[in-house]
Amino acid sequence: MTYGRIFKIKRYFEALSNQFHKEIESYIRSWSNEMDVQSVTISYPNGQSDTFKQGEIMRHVIAHEIHHIGQLSVWASELGREPVTANVISRGLFE
């Protein structure tokens, strides 16, 4: 894979990330304690379904993001690079 192709892929994922950020920002900013206990039912093509609380889903997404930060840190270390910090403070999350 050429560097040009890698940078093209990087730009694509940056644009995708920006798009998703815009789409979910208002949802996250409007989060309330009441939303923690509101149910969401997921229906599958096979007819089965699962019901979760929105608070469970939100906390799962946060934990999964932390998992990915850990993966990046391990991979960076394996490549001899500085590990990625798991510190989410001062990352501009509320800017």
N, C-alpha and C. Protein backbone atom coordinates (compact mmCIF):
# COMPACT_ATOMS: atom_id res chain seq x y z
N MET A 1 0.85 -1.17 0.00
CA MET A 1 0.00 0.00 0.00
C MET A 1 0.90 1.24 0.00
N THR A 2 0.58 2.19 -0.83
CA THR A 2 1.40 3.39 -0.94
C THR A 2 0.99 4.41 0.12
N TYR A 3 1.90 5.36 0.38
CA TYR A 3 1.59 6.41 1.34
C TYR A 3 0.41 7.25 0.87
N GLY A 4 0.32 7.48 -0.44
CA GLY A 4 -0.81 8.25 -0.98
C GLY A 4 -2.14 7.59 -0.65
N ARG A 5 -2.18 6.27 -0.78
CA ARG A 5 -3.40 5.51 -0.47
C ARG A 5 -3.69 5.57 1.03
N ILE A 6 -2.66 5.46 1.85
CA ILE A 6 -2.84 5.54 3.30
C ILE A 6 -3.41 6.90 3.70
N PHE A 7 -2.88 7.97 3.13
CA PHE A 7 -3.38 9.31 3.47
C PHE A 7 -4.81 9.51 2.97
N LYS A 8 -5.15 8.90 1.83
CA LYS A 8 -6.52 8.98 1.32
C LYS A 8 -7.48 8.29 2.29
N ILE A 9 -7.08 7.13 2.78
CA ILE A 9 -7.89 6.40 3.76
C ILE A 9 -8.01 7.21 5.05
N LYS A 10 -6.90 7.80 5.48
CA LYS A 10 -6.91 8.62 6.70
C LYS A 10 -7.89 9.78 6.55
N ARG A 11 -7.85 10.47 5.42
CA ARG A 11 -8.77 11.60 5.19
C ARG A 11 -10.22 11.13 5.19
N TYR A 12 -10.46 9.96 4.60
CA TYR A 12 -11.81 9.41 4.57
C TYR A 12 -12.32 9.18 5.99
N PHE A 13 -11.51 8.55 6.84
CA PHE A 13 -11.95 8.26 8.20
C PHE A 13 -12.05 9.52 9.04
N GLU A 14 -11.22 10.51 8.79
CA GLU A 14 -11.37 11.78 9.50
C GLU A 14 -12.70 12.44 9.13
N ALA A 15 -13.06 12.44 7.85
CA ALA A 15 -14.33 13.01 7.40
C ALA A 15 -15.50 12.23 8.01
N LEU A 16 -15.39 10.91 8.05
CA LEU A 16 -16.44 10.09 8.63
C LEU A 16 -16.59 10.38 10.12
N SER A 17 -15.47 10.51 10.81
CA SER A 17 -15.48 10.84 12.23
C SER A 17 -16.15 12.19 12.47
N ASN A 18 -15.80 13.18 11.65
CA ASN A 18 -16.42 14.51 11.79
C ASN A 18 -17.92 14.45 11.56
N GLN A 19 -18.34 13.66 10.57
CA GLN A 19 -19.76 13.52 10.28
C GLN A 19 -20.49 12.90 11.47
N PHE A 20 -19.94 11.81 12.01
CA PHE A 20 -20.57 11.15 13.15
C PHE A 20 -20.59 12.07 14.35
N HIS A 21 -19.52 12.82 14.54
CA HIS A 21 -19.45 13.75 15.67
C HIS A 21 -20.61 14.73 15.61
N LYS A 22 -20.84 15.30 14.44
CA LYS A 22 -21.93 16.26 14.27
C LYS A 22 -23.28 15.60 14.53
N GLU A 23 -23.44 14.37 14.10
CA GLU A 23 -24.72 13.68 14.24
C GLU A 23 -25.05 13.33 15.68
N ILE A 24 -24.06 13.02 16.50
CA ILE A 24 -24.36 12.59 17.87
C ILE A 24 -24.15 13.66 18.93
N GLU A 25 -23.52 14.78 18.56
CA GLU A 25 -23.21 15.80 19.56
C GLU A 25 -24.46 16.32 20.27
N SER A 26 -25.52 16.63 19.53
CA SER A 26 -26.72 17.17 20.17
C SER A 26 -27.37 16.13 21.09
N TYR A 27 -27.32 14.86 20.69
CA TYR A 27 -27.86 13.79 21.52
C TYR A 27 -27.12 13.71 22.85
N ILE A 28 -25.80 13.74 22.78
CA ILE A 28 -24.99 13.63 24.00
C ILE A 28 -25.16 14.87 24.88
N ARG A 29 -25.20 16.04 24.27
CA ARG A 29 -25.36 17.27 25.05
C ARG A 29 -26.73 17.36 25.71
N SER A 30 -27.72 16.67 25.16
CA SER A 30 -29.06 16.72 25.74
C SER A 30 -29.30 15.58 26.75
N TRP A 31 -28.26 14.81 27.04
CA TRP A 31 -28.41 13.67 27.95
C TRP A 31 -28.93 14.12 29.30
N SER A 32 -29.85 13.36 29.84
CA SER A 32 -30.40 13.65 31.17
C SER A 32 -30.43 12.36 31.98
N ASN A 33 -30.57 12.52 33.29
CA ASN A 33 -30.62 11.34 34.17
C ASN A 33 -31.80 10.44 33.82
N GLU A 34 -32.88 11.03 33.35
CA GLU A 34 -34.06 10.25 32.99
C GLU A 34 -33.75 9.29 31.82
N MET A 35 -32.85 9.70 30.96
CA MET A 35 -32.52 8.86 29.80
C MET A 35 -31.80 7.58 30.22
N ASP A 36 -31.15 7.59 31.38
CA ASP A 36 -30.45 6.40 31.87
C ASP A 36 -31.35 5.18 31.93
N VAL A 37 -32.62 5.37 32.28
CA VAL A 37 -33.51 4.24 32.51
C VAL A 37 -34.51 4.01 31.37
N GLN A 38 -34.45 4.83 30.33
CA GLN A 38 -35.34 4.62 29.19
C GLN A 38 -34.88 3.40 28.40
N SER A 39 -35.84 2.59 27.99
CA SER A 39 -35.53 1.34 27.28
C SER A 39 -35.41 1.55 25.78
N VAL A 40 -34.54 0.76 25.19
CA VAL A 40 -34.37 0.70 23.75
C VAL A 40 -34.46 -0.78 23.37
N THR A 41 -35.34 -1.10 22.43
CA THR A 41 -35.49 -2.49 21.99
C THR A 41 -34.88 -2.62 20.60
N ILE A 42 -34.00 -3.60 20.48
CA ILE A 42 -33.33 -3.90 19.22
C ILE A 42 -33.99 -5.14 18.64
N SER A 43 -34.51 -5.05 17.43
CA SER A 43 -35.12 -6.20 16.76
C SER A 43 -34.16 -6.72 15.69
N TYR A 44 -33.99 -8.03 15.67
CA TYR A 44 -33.08 -8.67 14.74
C TYR A 44 -33.85 -9.30 13.59
N PRO A 45 -33.18 -9.51 12.46
CA PRO A 45 -33.85 -10.12 11.29
C PRO A 45 -34.47 -11.49 11.58
N ASN A 46 -33.93 -12.22 12.55
CA ASN A 46 -34.45 -13.56 12.86
C ASN A 46 -35.69 -13.53 13.75
N GLY A 47 -36.18 -12.31 14.05
CA GLY A 47 -37.39 -12.17 14.85
C GLY A 47 -37.13 -12.00 16.34
N GLN A 48 -35.92 -12.25 16.79
CA GLN A 48 -35.60 -12.07 18.20
C GLN A 48 -35.35 -10.59 18.49
N SER A 49 -35.37 -10.25 19.77
CA SER A 49 -35.10 -8.87 20.15
C SER A 49 -34.44 -8.83 21.52
N ASP A 50 -33.76 -7.75 21.80
CA ASP A 50 -33.15 -7.48 23.10
C ASP A 50 -33.56 -6.09 23.53
N THR A 51 -33.73 -5.91 24.83
CA THR A 51 -34.07 -4.60 25.36
C THR A 51 -32.97 -4.17 26.33
N PHE A 52 -32.51 -2.94 26.16
CA PHE A 52 -31.45 -2.38 27.00
C PHE A 52 -31.89 -1.00 27.49
N LYS A 53 -31.30 -0.57 28.57
CA LYS A 53 -31.49 0.80 29.05
C LYS A 53 -30.49 1.70 28.32
N GLN A 54 -30.90 2.93 28.02
CA GLN A 54 -29.99 3.84 27.32
C GLN A 54 -28.71 4.06 28.11
N GLY A 55 -28.81 4.07 29.45
CA GLY A 55 -27.62 4.24 30.28
C GLY A 55 -26.63 3.10 30.10
N GLU A 56 -27.16 1.87 29.95
CA GLU A 56 -26.28 0.71 29.71
C GLU A 56 -25.54 0.88 28.39
N ILE A 57 -26.28 1.30 27.37
CA ILE A 57 -25.68 1.46 26.04
C ILE A 57 -24.60 2.54 26.07
N MET A 58 -24.91 3.68 26.70
CA MET A 58 -23.95 4.78 26.76
C MET A 58 -22.68 4.35 27.49
N ARG A 59 -22.82 3.66 28.59
CA ARG A 59 -21.64 3.23 29.35
C ARG A 59 -20.85 2.16 28.59
N HIS A 60 -21.54 1.31 27.85
CA HIS A 60 -20.84 0.32 27.03
C HIS A 60 -20.00 1.02 25.96
N VAL A 61 -20.57 2.04 25.31
CA VAL A 61 -19.84 2.78 24.27
C VAL A 61 -18.59 3.43 24.87
N ILE A 62 -18.72 4.01 26.06
CA ILE A 62 -17.58 4.65 26.72
C ILE A 62 -16.50 3.61 27.04
N ALA A 63 -16.91 2.47 27.61
CA ALA A 63 -15.94 1.42 27.94
C ALA A 63 -15.26 0.89 26.67
N HIS A 64 -16.02 0.77 25.60
CA HIS A 64 -15.45 0.27 24.34
C HIS A 64 -14.43 1.25 23.77
N GLU A 65 -14.71 2.53 23.90
CA GLU A 65 -13.75 3.55 23.44
C GLU A 65 -12.45 3.45 24.24
N ILE A 66 -12.56 3.25 25.54
CA ILE A 66 -11.37 3.10 26.38
C ILE A 66 -10.59 1.85 25.97
N HIS A 67 -11.30 0.79 25.62
CA HIS A 67 -10.65 -0.44 25.13
C HIS A 67 -9.82 -0.13 23.88
N HIS A 68 -10.40 0.64 22.96
CA HIS A 68 -9.65 0.97 21.73
C HIS A 68 -8.44 1.84 22.02
N ILE A 69 -8.54 2.74 22.97
CA ILE A 69 -7.38 3.55 23.35
C ILE A 69 -6.27 2.63 23.86
N GLY A 70 -6.64 1.62 24.66
CA GLY A 70 -5.66 0.66 25.14
C GLY A 70 -5.02 -0.12 24.01
N GLN A 71 -5.83 -0.53 23.02
CA GLN A 71 -5.27 -1.23 21.86
C GLN A 71 -4.25 -0.37 21.14
N LEU A 72 -4.59 0.89 20.90
CA LEU A 72 -3.68 1.80 20.21
C LEU A 72 -2.38 1.97 20.99
N SER A 73 -2.49 2.03 22.31
CA SER A 73 -1.31 2.18 23.15
C SER A 73 -0.39 0.96 23.02
N VAL A 74 -0.97 -0.22 23.04
CA VAL A 74 -0.17 -1.45 22.91
C VAL A 74 0.49 -1.50 21.53
N TRP A 75 -0.27 -1.21 20.49
CA TRP A 75 0.29 -1.25 19.13
C TRP A 75 1.40 -0.22 18.96
N ALA A 76 1.20 0.98 19.51
CA ALA A 76 2.24 2.00 19.42
C ALA A 76 3.51 1.53 20.11
N SER A 77 3.36 0.94 21.29
CA SER A 77 4.52 0.42 22.01
C SER A 77 5.24 -0.67 21.21
N GLU A 78 4.46 -1.55 20.59
CA GLU A 78 5.05 -2.62 19.79
C GLU A 78 5.84 -2.08 18.59
N LEU A 79 5.44 -0.91 18.11
CA LEU A 79 6.13 -0.28 16.99
C LEU A 79 7.25 0.65 17.43
N GLY A 80 7.50 0.68 18.76
CA GLY A 80 8.56 1.53 19.28
C GLY A 80 8.15 3.00 19.37
N ARG A 81 6.86 3.26 19.32
CA ARG A 81 6.35 4.63 19.41
C ARG A 81 5.89 4.92 20.82
N GLU A 82 5.65 6.20 21.09
CA GLU A 82 5.14 6.59 22.40
C GLU A 82 3.72 6.05 22.57
N PRO A 83 3.43 5.39 23.68
CA PRO A 83 2.08 4.86 23.89
C PRO A 83 1.03 5.97 23.91
N VAL A 84 -0.16 5.64 23.46
CA VAL A 84 -1.28 6.58 23.47
C VAL A 84 -1.78 6.68 24.90
N THR A 85 -1.97 7.88 25.39
CA THR A 85 -2.45 8.04 26.76
C THR A 85 -3.93 7.69 26.85
N ALA A 86 -4.31 7.05 27.92
CA ALA A 86 -5.71 6.71 28.18
C ALA A 86 -6.41 7.85 28.92
N ASN A 87 -5.69 8.92 29.18
CA ASN A 87 -6.24 10.05 29.90
C ASN A 87 -7.23 10.80 29.00
N VAL A 88 -8.49 10.85 29.38
CA VAL A 88 -9.48 11.56 28.59
C VAL A 88 -9.69 13.00 29.08
N ILE A 89 -9.02 13.34 30.18
CA ILE A 89 -9.09 14.71 30.68
C ILE A 89 -8.19 15.58 29.79
N SER A 90 -8.63 16.77 29.49
CA SER A 90 -7.90 17.73 28.67
C SER A 90 -7.83 17.34 27.20
N ARG A 91 -8.77 16.53 26.72
CA ARG A 91 -8.83 16.18 25.30
C ARG A 91 -9.82 17.06 24.56
N GLY A 92 -10.37 18.05 25.25
CA GLY A 92 -11.30 18.97 24.59
C GLY A 92 -12.67 18.36 24.31
N LEU A 93 -13.10 17.44 25.15
CA LEU A 93 -14.37 16.76 24.93
C LEU A 93 -15.56 17.70 25.01
N PHE A 94 -15.42 18.81 25.72
CA PHE A 94 -16.54 19.72 25.90
C PHE A 94 -16.31 21.06 25.23
N GLU A 95 -15.46 21.08 24.24
CA GLU A 95 -15.19 22.33 23.51
C GLU A 95 -16.08 22.44 22.31
